[in-house]
Amino acid sequence: MNGKPVIKMVILLVIIVAIGWTIYSAVTKDKQPLLATGKPAPDFIAKDLTGKEYRLSELKGKGIILNFWGTWCKPCREEMPALQEMSGKLKDQGVLVLAVNNGESEVAVNAFTKQYGLTFPILLDKRLDIAKAYQVDQLPTTYFIKHDGTLALRVIGPLNVNTILDNAKKIAP
């Protein structure tokens, strides 16, 4: 009995397993589980355009609308008037709008906020640390965070006044 076919089969099997493992490792590498509703929102520290520092964990007791955006993003530009309008109305209800800019220069963000007359806090995420923690891969993306610091909802795409108002009710203290 010749052992060459058996050796060839073993080598082929080892190669197939190695290729399979390589593909599996590449696909699952650095993948975090999706942020789940009811779980604590990832904490972060960021400064706004005035230099004021915000730490999410220090905002417990308030509902947070955490909006990720960019100046170049057309849907982001479209939703800004609604965020501005609702930020003033919701503040009295214990809900704070925080907009996190994704990696752009302070000059570009400042010009944008002046153009749109934005008065709510605009946080700078120059290295995209916050965006990575929140698994943001599309703009705009908005998280609604309950007053106890847990995630209530993730919305991908532009917001309007009704969407903001309906979801703000779910996170208000």
N, C-alpha and C. Protein backbone atom coordinates (compact mmCIF):
# COMPACT_ATOMS: atom_id res chain seq x y z
N MET A 1 0.84 -1.17 0.00
CA MET A 1 0.00 0.00 0.00
C MET A 1 0.89 1.24 0.00
N ASN A 2 0.59 2.17 -0.87
CA ASN A 2 1.38 3.38 -1.04
C ASN A 2 0.82 4.49 -0.15
N GLY A 3 1.67 5.17 0.64
CA GLY A 3 1.24 6.20 1.57
C GLY A 3 1.23 7.60 0.98
N LYS A 4 1.66 7.75 -0.29
CA LYS A 4 1.72 9.09 -0.89
C LYS A 4 0.35 9.77 -0.98
N PRO A 5 -0.73 9.08 -1.37
CA PRO A 5 -2.04 9.76 -1.42
C PRO A 5 -2.50 10.24 -0.04
N VAL A 6 -2.21 9.48 0.99
CA VAL A 6 -2.60 9.87 2.35
C VAL A 6 -1.82 11.11 2.79
N ILE A 7 -0.53 11.15 2.50
CA ILE A 7 0.30 12.30 2.84
C ILE A 7 -0.20 13.55 2.10
N LYS A 8 -0.52 13.38 0.81
CA LYS A 8 -1.03 14.49 0.02
C LYS A 8 -2.35 15.02 0.61
N MET A 9 -3.21 14.11 1.04
CA MET A 9 -4.50 14.51 1.63
C MET A 9 -4.29 15.25 2.94
N VAL A 10 -3.36 14.81 3.76
CA VAL A 10 -3.07 15.47 5.03
C VAL A 10 -2.52 16.87 4.78
N ILE A 11 -1.59 16.98 3.82
CA ILE A 11 -1.02 18.29 3.49
C ILE A 11 -2.11 19.23 2.96
N LEU A 12 -2.98 18.74 2.10
CA LEU A 12 -4.07 19.53 1.55
C LEU A 12 -5.03 19.99 2.66
N LEU A 13 -5.32 19.08 3.58
CA LEU A 13 -6.19 19.41 4.71
C LEU A 13 -5.56 20.50 5.59
N VAL A 14 -4.27 20.40 5.86
CA VAL A 14 -3.56 21.40 6.65
C VAL A 14 -3.60 22.75 5.95
N ILE A 15 -3.40 22.77 4.65
CA ILE A 15 -3.44 24.02 3.88
C ILE A 15 -4.84 24.64 3.94
N ILE A 16 -5.87 23.82 3.77
CA ILE A 16 -7.25 24.32 3.81
C ILE A 16 -7.58 24.90 5.18
N VAL A 17 -7.18 24.21 6.23
CA VAL A 17 -7.42 24.72 7.59
C VAL A 17 -6.67 26.03 7.82
N ALA A 18 -5.42 26.11 7.35
CA ALA A 18 -4.62 27.33 7.52
C ALA A 18 -5.26 28.51 6.78
N ILE A 19 -5.72 28.28 5.56
CA ILE A 19 -6.38 29.34 4.79
C ILE A 19 -7.68 29.76 5.49
N GLY A 20 -8.44 28.79 5.93
CA GLY A 20 -9.69 29.09 6.64
C GLY A 20 -9.45 29.92 7.90
N TRP A 21 -8.45 29.54 8.67
CA TRP A 21 -8.11 30.27 9.90
C TRP A 21 -7.65 31.69 9.59
N THR A 22 -6.87 31.85 8.53
CA THR A 22 -6.40 33.17 8.13
C THR A 22 -7.57 34.07 7.75
N ILE A 23 -8.49 33.54 6.97
CA ILE A 23 -9.66 34.33 6.57
C ILE A 23 -10.51 34.68 7.80
N TYR A 24 -10.75 33.71 8.65
CA TYR A 24 -11.54 33.95 9.87
C TYR A 24 -10.89 35.01 10.74
N SER A 25 -9.59 34.92 10.93
CA SER A 25 -8.87 35.89 11.76
C SER A 25 -8.93 37.29 11.17
N ALA A 26 -8.81 37.40 9.86
CA ALA A 26 -8.85 38.71 9.21
C ALA A 26 -10.23 39.35 9.34
N VAL A 27 -11.26 38.56 9.22
CA VAL A 27 -12.63 39.08 9.29
C VAL A 27 -13.00 39.49 10.71
N THR A 28 -12.56 38.74 11.70
CA THR A 28 -12.97 39.02 13.08
C THR A 28 -11.98 39.88 13.84
N LYS A 29 -10.83 40.18 13.26
CA LYS A 29 -9.81 40.95 13.94
C LYS A 29 -10.32 42.35 14.30
N ASP A 30 -10.10 42.76 15.52
CA ASP A 30 -10.44 44.09 16.01
C ASP A 30 -11.92 44.43 15.90
N LYS A 31 -12.77 43.45 15.71
CA LYS A 31 -14.20 43.72 15.67
C LYS A 31 -14.72 43.71 17.09
N GLN A 32 -15.36 44.82 17.46
CA GLN A 32 -15.98 44.90 18.77
C GLN A 32 -17.43 44.48 18.61
N PRO A 33 -18.01 43.92 19.66
CA PRO A 33 -19.45 43.64 19.56
C PRO A 33 -20.19 44.98 19.43
N LEU A 34 -21.28 44.96 18.71
CA LEU A 34 -22.06 46.19 18.55
C LEU A 34 -22.50 46.71 19.90
N LEU A 35 -22.54 48.03 20.00
CA LEU A 35 -23.01 48.64 21.24
C LEU A 35 -24.49 48.28 21.40
N ALA A 36 -24.84 47.79 22.57
CA ALA A 36 -26.19 47.28 22.77
C ALA A 36 -27.05 48.26 23.57
N THR A 37 -28.30 48.33 23.18
CA THR A 37 -29.28 49.11 23.92
C THR A 37 -29.33 48.61 25.36
N GLY A 38 -29.39 49.55 26.29
CA GLY A 38 -29.45 49.20 27.70
C GLY A 38 -28.09 49.05 28.36
N LYS A 39 -27.04 49.02 27.57
CA LYS A 39 -25.67 48.93 28.10
C LYS A 39 -25.12 50.34 28.32
N PRO A 40 -24.12 50.47 29.20
CA PRO A 40 -23.53 51.80 29.43
C PRO A 40 -22.90 52.37 28.16
N ALA A 41 -23.11 53.65 27.95
CA ALA A 41 -22.48 54.34 26.82
C ALA A 41 -20.99 54.47 27.13
N PRO A 42 -20.14 54.28 26.12
CA PRO A 42 -18.70 54.44 26.35
C PRO A 42 -18.38 55.86 26.84
N ASP A 43 -17.60 55.94 27.89
CA ASP A 43 -17.22 57.24 28.44
C ASP A 43 -16.15 57.87 27.56
N PHE A 44 -16.09 59.18 27.57
CA PHE A 44 -15.07 59.91 26.82
C PHE A 44 -14.86 61.28 27.45
N ILE A 45 -13.75 61.87 27.10
CA ILE A 45 -13.45 63.26 27.46
C ILE A 45 -13.13 63.96 26.15
N ALA A 46 -13.76 65.13 25.94
CA ALA A 46 -13.49 65.91 24.73
C ALA A 46 -13.70 67.38 25.04
N LYS A 47 -13.01 68.21 24.28
CA LYS A 47 -13.16 69.65 24.44
C LYS A 47 -14.03 70.20 23.32
N ASP A 48 -14.77 71.26 23.67
CA ASP A 48 -15.56 71.93 22.63
C ASP A 48 -14.73 73.06 22.03
N LEU A 49 -15.34 73.83 21.16
CA LEU A 49 -14.63 74.89 20.45
C LEU A 49 -14.15 76.03 21.36
N THR A 50 -14.75 76.14 22.56
CA THR A 50 -14.32 77.17 23.51
C THR A 50 -13.24 76.66 24.45
N GLY A 51 -12.91 75.37 24.36
CA GLY A 51 -11.92 74.77 25.25
C GLY A 51 -12.52 74.10 26.47
N LYS A 52 -13.86 74.20 26.63
CA LYS A 52 -14.52 73.55 27.77
C LYS A 52 -14.46 72.03 27.59
N GLU A 53 -14.13 71.34 28.67
CA GLU A 53 -13.99 69.89 28.63
C GLU A 53 -15.30 69.22 29.05
N TYR A 54 -15.67 68.20 28.30
CA TYR A 54 -16.87 67.41 28.59
C TYR A 54 -16.45 65.97 28.84
N ARG A 55 -16.96 65.41 29.92
CA ARG A 55 -16.78 63.99 30.23
C ARG A 55 -18.18 63.40 30.31
N LEU A 56 -18.47 62.43 29.47
CA LEU A 56 -19.82 61.88 29.41
C LEU A 56 -20.30 61.39 30.78
N SER A 57 -19.45 60.71 31.52
CA SER A 57 -19.86 60.16 32.81
C SER A 57 -20.26 61.24 33.81
N GLU A 58 -19.80 62.46 33.61
CA GLU A 58 -20.18 63.56 34.50
C GLU A 58 -21.52 64.18 34.10
N LEU A 59 -22.10 63.72 33.02
CA LEU A 59 -23.37 64.26 32.56
C LEU A 59 -24.55 63.37 32.94
N LYS A 60 -24.30 62.34 33.78
CA LYS A 60 -25.39 61.49 34.23
C LYS A 60 -26.44 62.38 34.90
N GLY A 61 -27.68 62.00 34.70
CA GLY A 61 -28.78 62.82 35.18
C GLY A 61 -29.41 63.62 34.05
N LYS A 62 -28.70 63.70 32.92
CA LYS A 62 -29.23 64.37 31.72
C LYS A 62 -29.34 63.34 30.60
N GLY A 63 -30.35 63.52 29.78
CA GLY A 63 -30.41 62.74 28.54
C GLY A 63 -29.42 63.38 27.57
N ILE A 64 -28.76 62.57 26.77
CA ILE A 64 -27.74 63.08 25.84
C ILE A 64 -28.09 62.65 24.43
N ILE A 65 -28.11 63.62 23.54
CA ILE A 65 -28.19 63.34 22.11
C ILE A 65 -26.77 63.54 21.58
N LEU A 66 -26.10 62.45 21.25
CA LEU A 66 -24.70 62.46 20.83
C LEU A 66 -24.64 62.26 19.32
N ASN A 67 -24.38 63.35 18.60
CA ASN A 67 -24.45 63.37 17.15
C ASN A 67 -23.04 63.42 16.56
N PHE A 68 -22.72 62.49 15.68
CA PHE A 68 -21.43 62.46 14.98
C PHE A 68 -21.64 63.01 13.58
N TRP A 69 -20.78 63.94 13.17
CA TRP A 69 -20.99 64.65 11.91
C TRP A 69 -19.68 65.16 11.32
N GLY A 70 -19.78 65.67 10.09
CA GLY A 70 -18.64 66.30 9.42
C GLY A 70 -19.13 67.47 8.58
N THR A 71 -18.29 68.46 8.39
CA THR A 71 -18.67 69.66 7.63
C THR A 71 -18.92 69.33 6.16
N TRP A 72 -18.27 68.31 5.64
CA TRP A 72 -18.37 67.92 4.24
C TRP A 72 -19.60 67.07 3.95
N CYS A 73 -20.28 66.62 5.00
CA CYS A 73 -21.39 65.66 4.90
C CYS A 73 -22.71 66.40 4.65
N LYS A 74 -23.28 66.21 3.46
CA LYS A 74 -24.53 66.91 3.11
C LYS A 74 -25.68 66.58 4.06
N PRO A 75 -25.95 65.31 4.39
CA PRO A 75 -27.03 65.02 5.35
C PRO A 75 -26.77 65.63 6.74
N CYS A 76 -25.49 65.76 7.10
CA CYS A 76 -25.15 66.41 8.38
C CYS A 76 -25.56 67.88 8.34
N ARG A 77 -25.26 68.53 7.23
CA ARG A 77 -25.64 69.94 7.07
C ARG A 77 -27.15 70.10 7.11
N GLU A 78 -27.86 69.15 6.52
CA GLU A 78 -29.32 69.21 6.48
C GLU A 78 -29.95 69.07 7.87
N GLU A 79 -29.34 68.30 8.76
CA GLU A 79 -29.93 68.07 10.07
C GLU A 79 -29.56 69.13 11.11
N MET A 80 -28.54 69.93 10.84
CA MET A 80 -28.07 70.91 11.83
C MET A 80 -29.13 71.92 12.27
N PRO A 81 -29.96 72.46 11.37
CA PRO A 81 -31.00 73.38 11.84
C PRO A 81 -31.97 72.71 12.84
N ALA A 82 -32.31 71.45 12.63
CA ALA A 82 -33.20 70.74 13.55
C ALA A 82 -32.51 70.52 14.90
N LEU A 83 -31.24 70.16 14.88
CA LEU A 83 -30.50 70.00 16.13
C LEU A 83 -30.41 71.32 16.88
N GLN A 84 -30.16 72.41 16.16
CA GLN A 84 -30.07 73.72 16.79
C GLN A 84 -31.41 74.09 17.42
N GLU A 85 -32.49 73.93 16.66
CA GLU A 85 -33.82 74.27 17.17
C GLU A 85 -34.16 73.47 18.42
N MET A 86 -33.91 72.18 18.37
CA MET A 86 -34.30 71.31 19.48
C MET A 86 -33.36 71.43 20.68
N SER A 87 -32.11 71.82 20.45
CA SER A 87 -31.18 71.92 21.59
C SER A 87 -31.68 72.92 22.62
N GLY A 88 -32.20 74.04 22.17
CA GLY A 88 -32.73 75.04 23.10
C GLY A 88 -33.97 74.57 23.82
N LYS A 89 -34.88 73.92 23.10
CA LYS A 89 -36.13 73.45 23.68
C LYS A 89 -35.91 72.29 24.65
N LEU A 90 -34.98 71.40 24.33
CA LEU A 90 -34.78 70.21 25.14
C LEU A 90 -33.94 70.47 26.39
N LYS A 91 -33.14 71.52 26.36
CA LYS A 91 -32.28 71.84 27.49
C LYS A 91 -33.10 71.99 28.78
N ASP A 92 -34.26 72.62 28.65
CA ASP A 92 -35.14 72.81 29.81
C ASP A 92 -35.75 71.50 30.30
N GLN A 93 -35.71 70.48 29.45
CA GLN A 93 -36.25 69.17 29.82
C GLN A 93 -35.16 68.22 30.29
N GLY A 94 -33.94 68.73 30.44
CA GLY A 94 -32.84 67.90 30.93
C GLY A 94 -32.16 67.07 29.86
N VAL A 95 -32.30 67.48 28.59
CA VAL A 95 -31.66 66.77 27.48
C VAL A 95 -30.65 67.70 26.83
N LEU A 96 -29.43 67.21 26.68
CA LEU A 96 -28.33 68.00 26.13
C LEU A 96 -27.91 67.45 24.77
N VAL A 97 -27.78 68.34 23.79
CA VAL A 97 -27.28 67.96 22.47
C VAL A 97 -25.77 68.19 22.46
N LEU A 98 -25.02 67.16 22.11
CA LEU A 98 -23.57 67.24 21.92
C LEU A 98 -23.27 66.76 20.51
N ALA A 99 -22.62 67.59 19.73
CA ALA A 99 -22.25 67.20 18.37
C ALA A 99 -20.75 66.93 18.33
N VAL A 100 -20.37 65.77 17.87
CA VAL A 100 -18.96 65.37 17.82
C VAL A 100 -18.49 65.45 16.38
N ASN A 101 -17.56 66.36 16.11
CA ASN A 101 -17.02 66.47 14.76
C ASN A 101 -15.96 65.41 14.54
N ASN A 102 -16.02 64.78 13.40
CA ASN A 102 -15.13 63.67 13.08
C ASN A 102 -13.85 64.11 12.39
N GLY A 103 -12.85 64.46 13.19
CA GLY A 103 -11.48 64.60 12.72
C GLY A 103 -11.11 65.83 11.93
N GLU A 104 -11.94 66.83 11.91
CA GLU A 104 -11.63 68.01 11.09
C GLU A 104 -10.92 69.07 11.92
N SER A 105 -10.37 70.05 11.22
CA SER A 105 -9.63 71.12 11.89
C SER A 105 -10.58 72.04 12.64
N GLU A 106 -10.06 72.64 13.68
CA GLU A 106 -10.83 73.59 14.47
C GLU A 106 -11.30 74.76 13.62
N VAL A 107 -10.48 75.18 12.67
CA VAL A 107 -10.81 76.31 11.79
C VAL A 107 -12.05 75.96 10.96
N ALA A 108 -12.06 74.78 10.34
CA ALA A 108 -13.19 74.36 9.51
C ALA A 108 -14.47 74.22 10.34
N VAL A 109 -14.35 73.64 11.52
CA VAL A 109 -15.50 73.43 12.39
C VAL A 109 -16.05 74.77 12.88
N ASN A 110 -15.15 75.67 13.26
CA ASN A 110 -15.56 77.01 13.71
C ASN A 110 -16.32 77.75 12.61
N ALA A 111 -15.81 77.71 11.41
CA ALA A 111 -16.47 78.38 10.28
C ALA A 111 -17.86 77.79 10.05
N PHE A 112 -17.96 76.47 10.14
CA PHE A 112 -19.25 75.79 9.95
C PHE A 112 -20.25 76.21 11.02
N THR A 113 -19.83 76.21 12.28
CA THR A 113 -20.76 76.55 13.37
C THR A 113 -21.23 78.00 13.25
N LYS A 114 -20.37 78.89 12.82
CA LYS A 114 -20.78 80.28 12.62
C LYS A 114 -21.77 80.39 11.46
N GLN A 115 -21.49 79.67 10.37
CA GLN A 115 -22.37 79.70 9.20
C GLN A 115 -23.78 79.24 9.55
N TYR A 116 -23.86 78.21 10.39
CA TYR A 116 -25.16 77.63 10.75
C TYR A 116 -25.73 78.19 12.05
N GLY A 117 -25.01 79.08 12.71
CA GLY A 117 -25.48 79.69 13.95
C GLY A 117 -25.68 78.68 15.07
N LEU A 118 -24.78 77.71 15.17
CA LEU A 118 -24.91 76.65 16.18
C LEU A 118 -24.44 77.14 17.54
N THR A 119 -25.26 76.89 18.55
CA THR A 119 -24.93 77.34 19.90
C THR A 119 -24.76 76.18 20.89
N PHE A 120 -25.10 74.97 20.47
CA PHE A 120 -24.91 73.82 21.36
C PHE A 120 -23.45 73.37 21.29
N PRO A 121 -23.00 72.59 22.27
CA PRO A 121 -21.58 72.19 22.30
C PRO A 121 -21.16 71.35 21.08
N ILE A 122 -20.09 71.80 20.46
CA ILE A 122 -19.48 71.08 19.34
C ILE A 122 -18.15 70.54 19.84
N LEU A 123 -18.06 69.22 19.96
CA LEU A 123 -16.86 68.58 20.49
C LEU A 123 -15.95 68.17 19.33
N LEU A 124 -14.66 68.26 19.57
CA LEU A 124 -13.67 67.91 18.56
C LEU A 124 -13.11 66.52 18.84
N ASP A 125 -13.16 65.67 17.84
CA ASP A 125 -12.65 64.29 17.93
C ASP A 125 -11.57 64.15 16.85
N LYS A 126 -10.47 64.85 17.06
CA LYS A 126 -9.43 64.95 16.03
C LYS A 126 -8.83 63.60 15.66
N ARG A 127 -8.66 62.70 16.65
CA ARG A 127 -8.06 61.39 16.36
C ARG A 127 -9.12 60.29 16.17
N LEU A 128 -10.39 60.69 16.18
CA LEU A 128 -11.52 59.78 15.99
C LEU A 128 -11.64 58.72 17.09
N ASP A 129 -11.11 59.02 18.28
CA ASP A 129 -11.21 58.08 19.39
C ASP A 129 -12.67 57.84 19.81
N ILE A 130 -13.44 58.92 19.86
CA ILE A 130 -14.85 58.79 20.28
C ILE A 130 -15.62 58.04 19.20
N ALA A 131 -15.40 58.40 17.95
CA ALA A 131 -16.09 57.72 16.84
C ALA A 131 -15.78 56.22 16.85
N LYS A 132 -14.55 55.86 17.14
CA LYS A 132 -14.19 54.43 17.19
C LYS A 132 -14.91 53.75 18.36
N ALA A 133 -14.94 54.40 19.51
CA ALA A 133 -15.60 53.82 20.68
C ALA A 133 -17.09 53.60 20.42
N TYR A 134 -17.68 54.48 19.63
CA TYR A 134 -19.10 54.37 19.30
C TYR A 134 -19.37 53.67 17.97
N GLN A 135 -18.32 53.13 17.38
CA GLN A 135 -18.41 52.33 16.16
C GLN A 135 -19.12 53.09 15.04
N VAL A 136 -18.74 54.34 14.89
CA VAL A 136 -19.34 55.18 13.85
C VAL A 136 -18.62 54.91 12.54
N ASP A 137 -19.37 54.44 11.55
CA ASP A 137 -18.79 54.22 10.24
C ASP A 137 -19.56 54.95 9.14
N GLN A 138 -20.61 55.66 9.53
CA GLN A 138 -21.38 56.48 8.59
C GLN A 138 -21.74 57.78 9.28
N LEU A 139 -21.79 58.84 8.50
CA LEU A 139 -22.22 60.13 9.04
C LEU A 139 -23.48 60.56 8.32
N PRO A 140 -24.39 61.19 9.04
CA PRO A 140 -24.41 61.35 10.47
C PRO A 140 -24.87 60.07 11.18
N THR A 141 -24.38 59.90 12.39
CA THR A 141 -24.85 58.86 13.29
C THR A 141 -25.13 59.53 14.63
N THR A 142 -26.26 59.20 15.22
CA THR A 142 -26.65 59.81 16.48
C THR A 142 -27.02 58.74 17.48
N TYR A 143 -26.51 58.90 18.69
CA TYR A 143 -26.89 58.04 19.82
C TYR A 143 -27.75 58.84 20.78
N PHE A 144 -28.82 58.22 21.23
CA PHE A 144 -29.65 58.78 22.28
C PHE A 144 -29.29 58.02 23.55
N ILE A 145 -28.80 58.76 24.54
CA ILE A 145 -28.29 58.16 25.77
C ILE A 145 -29.19 58.59 26.92
N LYS A 146 -29.68 57.62 27.67
CA LYS A 146 -30.59 57.90 28.79
C LYS A 146 -29.87 58.64 29.90
N HIS A 147 -30.65 59.23 30.77
CA HIS A 147 -30.12 60.00 31.89
C HIS A 147 -29.29 59.17 32.85
N ASP A 148 -29.43 57.83 32.80
CA ASP A 148 -28.61 56.96 33.66
C ASP A 148 -27.32 56.53 32.97
N GLY A 149 -27.07 57.05 31.76
CA GLY A 149 -25.83 56.75 31.05
C GLY A 149 -25.88 55.52 30.18
N THR A 150 -27.07 54.95 29.98
CA THR A 150 -27.19 53.77 29.12
C THR A 150 -27.68 54.17 27.73
N LEU A 151 -27.32 53.34 26.77
CA LEU A 151 -27.71 53.59 25.38
C LEU A 151 -29.18 53.25 25.17
N ALA A 152 -29.90 54.19 24.56
CA ALA A 152 -31.31 53.95 24.27
C ALA A 152 -31.53 53.62 22.81
N LEU A 153 -30.77 54.29 21.92
CA LEU A 153 -31.05 54.15 20.50
C LEU A 153 -29.88 54.68 19.67
N ARG A 154 -29.69 54.08 18.50
CA ARG A 154 -28.72 54.57 17.52
C ARG A 154 -29.49 54.87 16.23
N VAL A 155 -29.28 56.06 15.69
CA VAL A 155 -29.93 56.44 14.44
C VAL A 155 -28.84 56.78 13.43
N ILE A 156 -28.86 56.10 12.29
CA ILE A 156 -27.92 56.40 11.21
C ILE A 156 -28.70 57.18 10.16
N GLY A 157 -28.15 58.33 9.79
CA GLY A 157 -28.82 59.19 8.81
C GLY A 157 -29.27 60.48 9.48
N PRO A 158 -29.75 61.41 8.66
CA PRO A 158 -30.11 62.72 9.20
C PRO A 158 -31.35 62.69 10.08
N LEU A 159 -31.34 63.55 11.08
CA LEU A 159 -32.47 63.69 12.00
C LEU A 159 -33.34 64.85 11.55
N ASN A 160 -34.60 64.80 11.94
CA ASN A 160 -35.48 65.95 11.78
C ASN A 160 -36.08 66.26 13.16
N VAL A 161 -36.82 67.34 13.24
CA VAL A 161 -37.38 67.78 14.52
C VAL A 161 -38.22 66.68 15.16
N ASN A 162 -39.07 66.01 14.38
CA ASN A 162 -39.94 64.97 14.95
C ASN A 162 -39.15 63.79 15.49
N THR A 163 -38.14 63.35 14.76
CA THR A 163 -37.30 62.23 15.23
C THR A 163 -36.59 62.60 16.52
N ILE A 164 -36.07 63.81 16.56
CA ILE A 164 -35.36 64.26 17.77
C ILE A 164 -36.33 64.32 18.94
N LEU A 165 -37.48 64.93 18.74
CA LEU A 165 -38.46 65.09 19.82
C LEU A 165 -38.96 63.74 20.32
N ASP A 166 -39.33 62.84 19.40
CA ASP A 166 -39.84 61.53 19.80
C ASP A 166 -38.81 60.75 20.63
N ASN A 167 -37.56 60.78 20.19
CA ASN A 167 -36.53 60.01 20.89
C ASN A 167 -36.03 60.71 22.15
N ALA A 168 -36.12 62.03 22.19
CA ALA A 168 -35.73 62.76 23.40
C ALA A 168 -36.63 62.40 24.56
N LYS A 169 -37.89 62.09 24.28
CA LYS A 169 -38.82 61.69 25.34
C LYS A 169 -38.35 60.41 26.03
N LYS A 170 -37.67 59.55 25.27
CA LYS A 170 -37.20 58.27 25.80
C LYS A 170 -35.99 58.41 26.71
N ILE A 171 -35.29 59.53 26.61
CA ILE A 171 -34.03 59.67 27.37
C ILE A 171 -34.08 60.77 28.43
N ALA A 172 -35.16 61.55 28.43
CA ALA A 172 -35.24 62.66 29.39
C ALA A 172 -35.32 62.12 30.82
N PRO A 173 -34.76 62.86 31.75
CA PRO A 173 -34.82 62.43 33.16
C PRO A 173 -36.24 62.47 33.72
